[in-house]
Amino acid sequence: MEEQRQERKLGPPSIIKKISDIEWELPPTFKAGMHVPARIFASKKLLDNMDEGVFNQISNVASLPGIV
């Protein structure tokens, strides 16, 4: 049985904001329901190699009840 792999887009969304050389922020406007901005700590090289699932997951955390 041949395994099918789904291609995922690499790199951050265009809306990401650079805070410092290793700190990046997704604003709450990235995804409906986000209560707070989402912060990622990573080098530019690492950030560029993250797939869309990373940004989806961190935006899910920023959407959890009780996150303020």
PDB file of N, CA and C in Angstrom:
ATOM      1  N   MET A   1       0.853  -1.182   0.000  1.00  0.00           N
ATOM      2  CA  MET A   1       0.000   0.000   0.000  1.00  0.00           C
ATOM      3  C   MET A   1       0.896   1.241   0.000  1.00  0.00           C
ATOM      4  N   GLU A   2       0.670   2.095  -0.934  1.00  0.00           N
ATOM      5  CA  GLU A   2       1.496   3.295  -1.086  1.00  0.00           C
ATOM      6  C   GLU A   2       0.968   4.424  -0.201  1.00  0.00           C
ATOM      7  N   GLU A   3       1.867   4.985   0.592  1.00  0.00           N
ATOM      8  CA  GLU A   3       1.488   6.079   1.488  1.00  0.00           C
ATOM      9  C   GLU A   3       1.407   7.382   0.701  1.00  0.00           C
ATOM     10  N   GLN A   4       0.329   8.110   0.887  1.00  0.00           N
ATOM     11  CA  GLN A   4       0.176   9.408   0.235  1.00  0.00           C
ATOM     12  C   GLN A   4       0.491  10.496   1.248  1.00  0.00           C
ATOM     13  N   ARG A   5       1.380  11.379   0.847  1.00  0.00           N
ATOM     14  CA  ARG A   5       1.754  12.494   1.716  1.00  0.00           C
ATOM     15  C   ARG A   5       1.177  13.773   1.149  1.00  0.00           C
ATOM     16  N   GLN A   6       0.570  14.521   2.005  1.00  0.00           N
ATOM     17  CA  GLN A   6      -0.006  15.789   1.590  1.00  0.00           C
ATOM     18  C   GLN A   6       1.068  16.869   1.684  1.00  0.00           C
ATOM     19  N   GLU A   7       1.230  17.619   0.610  1.00  0.00           N
ATOM     20  CA  GLU A   7       2.188  18.724   0.610  1.00  0.00           C
ATOM     21  C   GLU A   7       1.663  19.837   1.505  1.00  0.00           C
ATOM     22  N   ARG A   8       2.531  20.345   2.348  1.00  0.00           N
ATOM     23  CA  ARG A   8       2.169  21.461   3.219  1.00  0.00           C
ATOM     24  C   ARG A   8       3.019  22.662   2.856  1.00  0.00           C
ATOM     25  N   LYS A   9       2.410  23.803   2.918  1.00  0.00           N
ATOM     26  CA  LYS A   9       3.116  25.044   2.623  1.00  0.00           C
ATOM     27  C   LYS A   9       4.122  25.336   3.735  1.00  0.00           C
ATOM     28  N   LEU A  10       5.340  25.670   3.338  1.00  0.00           N
ATOM     29  CA  LEU A  10       6.373  26.021   4.309  1.00  0.00           C
ATOM     30  C   LEU A  10       6.489  27.532   4.444  1.00  0.00           C
ATOM     31  N   GLY A  11       6.899  27.963   5.625  1.00  0.00           N
ATOM     32  CA  GLY A  11       7.133  29.382   5.861  1.00  0.00           C
ATOM     33  C   GLY A  11       5.973  30.044   6.568  1.00  0.00           C
ATOM     34  N   PRO A  12       6.259  31.184   7.154  1.00  0.00           N
ATOM     35  CA  PRO A  12       5.243  31.887   7.938  1.00  0.00           C
ATOM     36  C   PRO A  12       4.225  32.603   7.052  1.00  0.00           C
ATOM     37  N   PRO A  13       3.037  32.845   7.594  1.00  0.00           N
ATOM     38  CA  PRO A  13       2.062  33.650   6.861  1.00  0.00           C
ATOM     39  C   PRO A  13       2.555  35.093   6.752  1.00  0.00           C
ATOM     40  N   SER A  14       2.099  35.789   5.747  1.00  0.00           N
ATOM     41  CA  SER A  14       2.571  37.161   5.503  1.00  0.00           C
ATOM     42  C   SER A  14       2.211  38.124   6.638  1.00  0.00           C
ATOM     43  N   ILE A  15       1.233  37.786   7.433  1.00  0.00           N
ATOM     44  CA  ILE A  15       0.767  38.665   8.506  1.00  0.00           C
ATOM     45  C   ILE A  15       1.679  38.627   9.741  1.00  0.00           C
ATOM     46  N   ILE A  16       2.636  37.709   9.784  1.00  0.00           N
ATOM     47  CA  ILE A  16       3.510  37.586  10.957  1.00  0.00           C
ATOM     48  C   ILE A  16       4.363  38.842  11.119  1.00  0.00           C
ATOM     49  N   LYS A  17       4.587  39.229  12.371  1.00  0.00           N
ATOM     50  CA  LYS A  17       5.348  40.448  12.679  1.00  0.00           C
ATOM     51  C   LYS A  17       6.631  40.069  13.418  1.00  0.00           C
ATOM     52  N   LYS A  18       7.743  40.622  12.981  1.00  0.00           N
ATOM     53  CA  LYS A  18       9.028  40.371  13.639  1.00  0.00           C
ATOM     54  C   LYS A  18       9.153  41.292  14.849  1.00  0.00           C
ATOM     55  N   ILE A  19       9.390  40.705  16.011  1.00  0.00           N
ATOM     56  CA  ILE A  19       9.574  41.461  17.246  1.00  0.00           C
ATOM     57  C   ILE A  19      11.070  41.648  17.505  1.00  0.00           C
ATOM     58  N   SER A  20      11.836  40.578  17.317  1.00  0.00           N
ATOM     59  CA  SER A  20      13.300  40.609  17.451  1.00  0.00           C
ATOM     60  C   SER A  20      13.859  39.536  16.518  1.00  0.00           C
ATOM     61  N   ASP A  21      15.170  39.321  16.562  1.00  0.00           N
ATOM     62  CA  ASP A  21      15.783  38.325  15.684  1.00  0.00           C
ATOM     63  C   ASP A  21      15.230  36.921  15.899  1.00  0.00           C
ATOM     64  N   ILE A  22      14.724  36.658  17.098  1.00  0.00           N
ATOM     65  CA  ILE A  22      14.210  35.316  17.378  1.00  0.00           C
ATOM     66  C   ILE A  22      12.762  35.303  17.879  1.00  0.00           C
ATOM     67  N   GLU A  23      12.093  36.437  17.841  1.00  0.00           N
ATOM     68  CA  GLU A  23      10.721  36.521  18.354  1.00  0.00           C
ATOM     69  C   GLU A  23       9.787  37.022  17.260  1.00  0.00           C
ATOM     70  N   TRP A  24       8.685  36.297  17.063  1.00  0.00           N
ATOM     71  CA  TRP A  24       7.720  36.580  16.004  1.00  0.00           C
ATOM     72  C   TRP A  24       6.320  36.558  16.594  1.00  0.00           C
ATOM     73  N   GLU A  25       5.403  37.338  16.019  1.00  0.00           N
ATOM     74  CA  GLU A  25       4.054  37.421  16.569  1.00  0.00           C
ATOM     75  C   GLU A  25       3.002  37.305  15.473  1.00  0.00           C
ATOM     76  N   LEU A  26       2.028  36.436  15.734  1.00  0.00           N
ATOM     77  CA  LEU A  26       0.837  36.352  14.894  1.00  0.00           C
ATOM     78  C   LEU A  26      -0.249  37.161  15.591  1.00  0.00           C
ATOM     79  N   PRO A  27      -0.797  38.177  14.943  1.00  0.00           N
ATOM     80  CA  PRO A  27      -1.833  38.989  15.592  1.00  0.00           C
ATOM     81  C   PRO A  27      -3.149  38.214  15.702  1.00  0.00           C
ATOM     82  N   PRO A  28      -4.016  38.631  16.614  1.00  0.00           N
ATOM     83  CA  PRO A  28      -5.310  37.960  16.775  1.00  0.00           C
ATOM     84  C   PRO A  28      -6.178  37.987  15.516  1.00  0.00           C
ATOM     85  N   THR A  29      -5.851  38.845  14.572  1.00  0.00           N
ATOM     86  CA  THR A  29      -6.608  38.890  13.313  1.00  0.00           C
ATOM     87  C   THR A  29      -6.223  37.748  12.372  1.00  0.00           C
ATOM     88  N   PHE A  30      -5.203  36.963  12.740  1.00  0.00           N
ATOM     89  CA  PHE A  30      -4.773  35.838  11.905  1.00  0.00           C
ATOM     90  C   PHE A  30      -5.890  34.819  11.735  1.00  0.00           C
ATOM     91  N   LYS A  31      -6.652  34.588  12.823  1.00  0.00           N
ATOM     92  CA  LYS A  31      -7.700  33.564  12.790  1.00  0.00           C
ATOM     93  C   LYS A  31      -8.835  33.990  13.717  1.00  0.00           C
ATOM     94  N   ALA A  32     -10.037  33.847  13.255  1.00  0.00           N
ATOM     95  CA  ALA A  32     -11.200  34.194  14.077  1.00  0.00           C
ATOM     96  C   ALA A  32     -11.173  33.402  15.380  1.00  0.00           C
ATOM     97  N   GLY A  33     -11.446  34.080  16.476  1.00  0.00           N
ATOM     98  CA  GLY A  33     -11.510  33.424  17.773  1.00  0.00           C
ATOM     99  C   GLY A  33     -10.253  33.539  18.610  1.00  0.00           C
ATOM    100  N   MET A  34      -9.171  34.053  18.029  1.00  0.00           N
ATOM    101  CA  MET A  34      -7.946  34.226  18.823  1.00  0.00           C
ATOM    102  C   MET A  34      -8.186  35.330  19.847  1.00  0.00           C
ATOM    103  N   HIS A  35      -7.841  35.047  21.106  1.00  0.00           N
ATOM    104  CA  HIS A  35      -8.032  36.024  22.182  1.00  0.00           C
ATOM    105  C   HIS A  35      -6.818  36.919  22.363  1.00  0.00           C
ATOM    106  N   VAL A  36      -5.657  36.404  22.032  1.00  0.00           N
ATOM    107  CA  VAL A  36      -4.385  37.106  22.235  1.00  0.00           C
ATOM    108  C   VAL A  36      -3.476  36.860  21.038  1.00  0.00           C
ATOM    109  N   PRO A  37      -2.443  37.691  20.862  1.00  0.00           N
ATOM    110  CA  PRO A  37      -1.450  37.396  19.830  1.00  0.00           C
ATOM    111  C   PRO A  37      -0.713  36.104  20.195  1.00  0.00           C
ATOM    112  N   ALA A  38      -0.202  35.424  19.202  1.00  0.00           N
ATOM    113  CA  ALA A  38       0.570  34.196  19.421  1.00  0.00           C
ATOM    114  C   ALA A  38       2.044  34.497  19.177  1.00  0.00           C
ATOM    115  N   ARG A  39       2.900  34.138  20.119  1.00  0.00           N
ATOM    116  CA  ARG A  39       4.341  34.392  20.000  1.00  0.00           C
ATOM    117  C   ARG A  39       5.079  33.105  19.663  1.00  0.00           C
ATOM    118  N   ILE A  40       6.025  33.224  18.755  1.00  0.00           N
ATOM    119  CA  ILE A  40       6.898  32.115  18.369  1.00  0.00           C
ATOM    120  C   ILE A  40       8.331  32.569  18.590  1.00  0.00           C
ATOM    121  N   PHE A  41       9.127  31.727  19.214  1.00  0.00           N
ATOM    122  CA  PHE A  41      10.544  32.002  19.428  1.00  0.00           C
ATOM    123  C   PHE A  41      11.338  31.043  18.555  1.00  0.00           C
ATOM    124  N   ALA A  42      11.948  31.580  17.501  1.00  0.00           N
ATOM    125  CA  ALA A  42      12.691  30.759  16.542  1.00  0.00           C
ATOM    126  C   ALA A  42      13.562  31.656  15.674  1.00  0.00           C
ATOM    127  N   SER A  43      14.632  31.085  15.139  1.00  0.00           N
ATOM    128  CA  SER A  43      15.456  31.821  14.179  1.00  0.00           C
ATOM    129  C   SER A  43      14.669  31.975  12.877  1.00  0.00           C
ATOM    130  N   LYS A  44      15.091  32.890  12.030  1.00  0.00           N
ATOM    131  CA  LYS A  44      14.440  33.094  10.729  1.00  0.00           C
ATOM    132  C   LYS A  44      14.509  31.810   9.905  1.00  0.00           C
ATOM    133  N   LYS A  45      15.653  31.133   9.947  1.00  0.00           N
ATOM    134  CA  LYS A  45      15.825  29.887   9.192  1.00  0.00           C
ATOM    135  C   LYS A  45      14.825  28.826   9.655  1.00  0.00           C
ATOM    136  N   LEU A  46      14.685  28.680  10.965  1.00  0.00           N
ATOM    137  CA  LEU A  46      13.737  27.707  11.502  1.00  0.00           C
ATOM    138  C   LEU A  46      12.304  28.103  11.157  1.00  0.00           C
ATOM    139  N   LEU A  47      11.980  29.372  11.302  1.00  0.00           N
ATOM    140  CA  LEU A  47      10.642  29.864  10.984  1.00  0.00           C
ATOM    141  C   LEU A  47      10.287  29.577   9.524  1.00  0.00           C
ATOM    142  N   ASP A  48      11.243  29.796   8.629  1.00  0.00           N
ATOM    143  CA  ASP A  48      11.007  29.566   7.201  1.00  0.00           C
ATOM    144  C   ASP A  48      10.776  28.100   6.865  1.00  0.00           C
ATOM    145  N   ASN A  49      11.194  27.198   7.746  1.00  0.00           N
ATOM    146  CA  ASN A  49      11.015  25.769   7.510  1.00  0.00           C
ATOM    147  C   ASN A  49       9.834  25.170   8.269  1.00  0.00           C
ATOM    148  N   MET A  50       9.087  26.003   8.973  1.00  0.00           N
ATOM    149  CA  MET A  50       7.881  25.533   9.659  1.00  0.00           C
ATOM    150  C   MET A  50       6.756  25.421   8.644  1.00  0.00           C
ATOM    151  N   ASP A  51       5.942  24.385   8.796  1.00  0.00           N
ATOM    152  CA  ASP A  51       4.816  24.258   7.872  1.00  0.00           C
ATOM    153  C   ASP A  51       3.567  24.910   8.465  1.00  0.00           C
ATOM    154  N   GLU A  52       2.540  24.998   7.657  1.00  0.00           N
ATOM    155  CA  GLU A  52       1.324  25.718   8.063  1.00  0.00           C
ATOM    156  C   GLU A  52       0.680  25.134   9.317  1.00  0.00           C
ATOM    157  N   GLY A  53       0.934  23.862   9.609  1.00  0.00           N
ATOM    158  CA  GLY A  53       0.380  23.240  10.806  1.00  0.00           C
ATOM    159  C   GLY A  53       0.866  23.890  12.089  1.00  0.00           C
ATOM    160  N   VAL A  54       2.102  24.381  12.086  1.00  0.00           N
ATOM    161  CA  VAL A  54       2.659  25.060  13.265  1.00  0.00           C
ATOM    162  C   VAL A  54       1.845  26.313  13.575  1.00  0.00           C
ATOM    163  N   PHE A  55       1.564  27.093  12.552  1.00  0.00           N
ATOM    164  CA  PHE A  55       0.848  28.356  12.743  1.00  0.00           C
ATOM    165  C   PHE A  55      -0.624  28.104  13.072  1.00  0.00           C
ATOM    166  N   ASN A  56      -1.171  27.042  12.529  1.00  0.00           N
ATOM    167  CA  ASN A  56      -2.535  26.656  12.862  1.00  0.00           C
ATOM    168  C   ASN A  56      -2.616  26.238  14.334  1.00  0.00           C
ATOM    169  N   GLN A  57      -1.641  25.452  14.785  1.00  0.00           N
ATOM    170  CA  GLN A  57      -1.652  24.972  16.166  1.00  0.00           C
ATOM    171  C   GLN A  57      -1.480  26.114  17.171  1.00  0.00           C
ATOM    172  N   ILE A  58      -0.555  27.010  16.911  1.00  0.00           N
ATOM    173  CA  ILE A  58      -0.337  28.107  17.867  1.00  0.00           C
ATOM    174  C   ILE A  58      -1.546  29.052  17.892  1.00  0.00           C
ATOM    175  N   SER A  59      -2.212  29.212  16.760  1.00  0.00           N
ATOM    176  CA  SER A  59      -3.420  30.046  16.755  1.00  0.00           C
ATOM    177  C   SER A  59      -4.554  29.341  17.500  1.00  0.00           C
ATOM    178  N   ASN A  60      -4.575  28.009  17.472  1.00  0.00           N
ATOM    179  CA  ASN A  60      -5.569  27.263  18.260  1.00  0.00           C
ATOM    180  C   ASN A  60      -5.354  27.498  19.751  1.00  0.00           C
ATOM    181  N   VAL A  61      -4.108  27.487  20.192  1.00  0.00           N
ATOM    182  CA  VAL A  61      -3.801  27.727  21.611  1.00  0.00           C
ATOM    183  C   VAL A  61      -4.240  29.132  22.010  1.00  0.00           C
ATOM    184  N   ALA A  62      -4.002  30.113  21.148  1.00  0.00           N
ATOM    185  CA  ALA A  62      -4.392  31.496  21.436  1.00  0.00           C
ATOM    186  C   ALA A  62      -5.915  31.670  21.442  1.00  0.00           C
ATOM    187  N   SER A  63      -6.635  30.641  21.017  1.00  0.00           N
ATOM    188  CA  SER A  63      -8.098  30.683  20.973  1.00  0.00           C
ATOM    189  C   SER A  63      -8.757  29.928  22.129  1.00  0.00           C
ATOM    190  N   LEU A  64      -7.964  29.294  22.975  1.00  0.00           N
ATOM    191  CA  LEU A  64      -8.526  28.500  24.072  1.00  0.00           C
ATOM    192  C   LEU A  64      -9.266  29.372  25.085  1.00  0.00           C
ATOM    193  N   PRO A  65     -10.337  28.829  25.675  1.00  0.00           N
ATOM    194  CA  PRO A  65     -11.032  29.567  26.723  1.00  0.00           C
ATOM    195  C   PRO A  65     -10.084  29.836  27.893  1.00  0.00           C
ATOM    196  N   GLY A  66     -10.164  31.000  28.455  1.00  0.00           N
ATOM    197  CA  GLY A  66      -9.334  31.344  29.602  1.00  0.00           C
ATOM    198  C   GLY A  66      -8.001  31.976  29.248  1.00  0.00           C
ATOM    199  N   ILE A  67      -7.627  31.964  27.968  1.00  0.00           N
ATOM    200  CA  ILE A  67      -6.382  32.605  27.545  1.00  0.00           C
ATOM    201  C   ILE A  67      -6.641  34.109  27.484  1.00  0.00           C
ATOM    202  N   VAL A  68      -5.872  34.856  28.271  1.00  0.00           N
ATOM    203  CA  VAL A  68      -6.034  36.321  28.279  1.00  0.00           C
ATOM    204  C   VAL A  68      -4.692  37.017  28.205  1.00  0.00           C
TER     205      VAL A  68
END
